[in-house]
Protein backbone atom coordinates (compact mmCIF):
# COMPACT_ATOMS: atom_id res chain seq x y z
CA UNK A 1 95.93 107.00 101.77
CA UNK A 2 93.69 104.10 102.69
CA UNK A 3 94.84 101.28 104.99
CA UNK A 4 95.41 98.74 102.19
CA UNK A 5 97.62 101.17 100.26
CA UNK A 6 99.47 102.17 103.45
CA UNK A 7 100.12 98.48 104.26
CA UNK A 8 101.30 97.90 100.69
CA UNK A 9 103.64 100.91 100.85
CA UNK A 10 105.10 99.82 104.19
CA UNK A 11 105.60 96.28 102.86
CA UNK A 12 107.36 97.53 99.71
CA UNK A 13 109.62 99.83 101.72
CA UNK A 14 110.48 97.09 104.24
CA UNK A 15 111.21 94.58 101.47
CA UNK A 16 113.34 97.05 99.49
CA UNK A 17 115.19 98.20 102.64
CA UNK A 18 115.95 94.57 103.51
CA UNK A 19 117.27 93.89 99.99
CA UNK A 20 119.36 97.07 100.06
CA UNK A 21 120.82 96.26 103.48
CA UNK A 22 121.74 92.74 102.31
CA UNK A 23 123.47 94.14 99.22
CA UNK A 24 125.38 96.71 101.27
CA UNK A 25 126.52 94.11 103.82
CA UNK A 26 127.83 92.00 100.91
CA UNK A 27 129.71 95.04 99.56
CA UNK A 28 127.54 95.37 96.46
CA UNK A 29 126.23 98.64 95.10
CA UNK A 30 122.52 99.32 95.57
CA UNK A 31 120.92 100.58 92.37
CA UNK A 32 117.92 102.82 93.16
CA UNK A 33 114.56 101.06 92.92
CA UNK A 34 111.28 102.73 92.05
CA UNK A 35 107.84 101.27 92.79
CA UNK A 36 104.82 102.84 91.09
CA UNK A 37 101.52 101.87 92.71
CA UNK A 38 98.61 102.04 90.30
CA UNK A 39 95.07 100.65 90.02
CA UNK A 40 96.25 97.27 88.64
CA UNK A 41 99.09 96.71 91.11
CA UNK A 42 102.74 97.68 91.38
CA UNK A 43 105.27 98.39 88.66
CA UNK A 44 108.84 98.12 89.96
CA UNK A 45 111.94 99.21 88.09
CA UNK A 46 115.60 100.00 88.66
CA UNK A 47 116.73 103.56 88.01
CA UNK A 48 120.55 103.59 87.83
CA UNK A 49 120.50 106.99 86.15
CA UNK A 50 119.37 108.60 89.41
CA UNK A 51 122.94 108.21 90.67
CA UNK A 52 124.56 109.52 87.48
CA UNK A 53 125.31 113.00 86.24
CA UNK A 54 122.64 115.63 85.57
CA UNK A 55 121.84 114.48 82.01
CA UNK A 56 121.40 110.81 82.96
CA UNK A 57 119.51 111.79 86.12
CA UNK A 58 117.10 113.89 84.03
CA UNK A 59 116.55 110.94 81.66
CA UNK A 60 115.82 108.62 84.60
CA UNK A 61 113.36 111.12 86.11
CA UNK A 62 111.66 111.54 82.71
CA UNK A 63 111.27 107.75 82.42
CA UNK A 64 109.78 107.56 85.92
CA UNK A 65 107.36 110.39 85.08
CA UNK A 66 106.46 108.67 81.79
CA UNK A 67 105.74 105.35 83.55
CA UNK A 68 103.75 107.14 86.25
CA UNK A 69 101.65 108.88 83.61
CA UNK A 70 101.15 105.75 81.47
CA UNK A 71 100.08 103.67 84.47
CA UNK A 72 98.04 106.50 86.01
CA UNK A 73 99.97 105.86 89.18
CA UNK A 74 98.66 106.78 92.61
CA UNK A 75 102.08 107.10 94.19
CA UNK A 76 105.78 106.50 93.69
CA UNK A 77 108.20 104.94 96.18
CA UNK A 78 111.91 105.46 95.57
CA UNK A 79 114.65 103.80 97.60
CA UNK A 80 118.22 104.91 97.02
CA UNK A 81 121.66 104.73 98.63
CA UNK A 82 122.92 108.31 99.05
CA UNK A 83 125.59 110.40 100.72
CA UNK A 84 124.37 112.81 103.35
CA UNK A 85 126.07 115.79 104.94
CA UNK A 86 126.35 116.63 108.57
CA UNK A 87 123.19 117.83 110.28
CA UNK A 88 122.72 121.57 110.38
CA UNK A 89 121.60 123.48 113.51
CA UNK A 90 117.99 123.36 112.25
CA UNK A 91 118.14 119.55 112.11
CA UNK A 92 118.31 119.19 108.31
CA UNK A 93 120.79 117.03 106.44
CA UNK A 94 121.95 117.66 102.88
CA UNK A 95 121.34 114.63 100.61
CA UNK A 96 123.63 114.05 97.63
CA UNK A 97 123.91 111.48 94.85
CA UNK A 98 127.42 112.65 94.12
CA UNK A 99 130.80 111.48 95.36
CA UNK A 100 131.22 112.43 99.00
CA UNK A 101 133.14 115.33 100.41
CA UNK A 102 134.71 114.93 103.81
CA UNK A 103 132.23 114.71 106.64
CA UNK A 104 129.64 112.85 104.56
CA UNK A 105 128.07 109.57 105.59
CA UNK A 106 125.87 106.99 103.89
CA UNK A 107 122.13 106.39 104.20
CA UNK A 108 119.33 104.57 102.50
CA UNK A 109 116.57 107.03 101.71
CA UNK A 110 112.97 106.06 101.01
CA UNK A 111 110.73 108.68 99.48
CA UNK A 112 106.97 108.28 98.98
CA UNK A 113 105.33 110.77 96.64
CA UNK A 114 101.55 110.71 96.31
CA UNK A 115 99.77 111.96 93.19
CA UNK A 116 98.42 114.82 95.34
CA UNK A 117 102.01 116.03 95.74
CA UNK A 118 102.28 114.97 99.40
CA UNK A 119 105.79 113.67 100.12
CA UNK A 120 107.08 111.51 102.96
CA UNK A 121 110.73 110.57 103.46
CA UNK A 122 112.54 108.01 105.59
CA UNK A 123 116.28 107.74 106.20
CA UNK A 124 118.32 104.78 107.46
CA UNK A 125 121.90 105.83 108.28
CA UNK A 126 124.65 103.24 108.12
CA UNK A 127 128.42 102.98 108.33
CA UNK A 128 131.01 100.42 107.41
CA UNK A 129 133.49 99.70 110.21
CA UNK A 130 137.21 99.12 109.70
CA UNK A 131 136.62 95.36 110.13
CA UNK A 132 134.08 95.41 107.26
CA UNK A 133 131.01 95.08 109.47
CA UNK A 134 128.11 97.36 108.53
CA UNK A 135 126.18 99.07 111.30
CA UNK A 136 122.68 100.28 110.48
CA UNK A 137 120.80 102.88 112.47
CA UNK A 138 117.05 103.17 112.85
CA UNK A 139 114.74 104.12 109.98
CA UNK A 140 113.67 107.68 110.79
CA UNK A 141 110.88 109.51 109.03
CA UNK A 142 111.57 113.17 108.35
CA UNK A 143 109.73 116.41 107.90
CA UNK A 144 108.87 116.65 104.20
CA UNK A 145 108.46 120.43 104.50
CA UNK A 146 112.27 120.83 104.73
CA UNK A 147 114.27 120.91 101.52
CA UNK A 148 115.78 117.46 102.00
CA UNK A 149 112.98 115.97 104.09
CA UNK A 150 115.17 115.74 107.20
């Protein structure tokens, strides 16, 4: 990725993370956002189906693939609010769109997928305290060679 694209990606992720954090602090749901970077700019869209059941999720992924193909996109950035499981001994964490089981916690996950197939993931853990305050961790970038990226 060249420097201009890298700067653009970092800006989009930072902006989307900031918007997501603001929504979460206000108690609102964060609907996944997808940014497709292509030769003419950026196409951004919401993808609520990503957090739905398998059929709706498949439809959302098909629409993203369709837009990516139509725009001849260079890369896709997705930012979603997900449930994650406890870390395993090998340092991985299971990511889930579904309703949490006990021991799960929340995180904002950014995923960057280049047209070459290279994938990079970032995770920002957070928790809501009993008094309603939301505490955010640090955005950590994971190892995309693991199944969940972390």
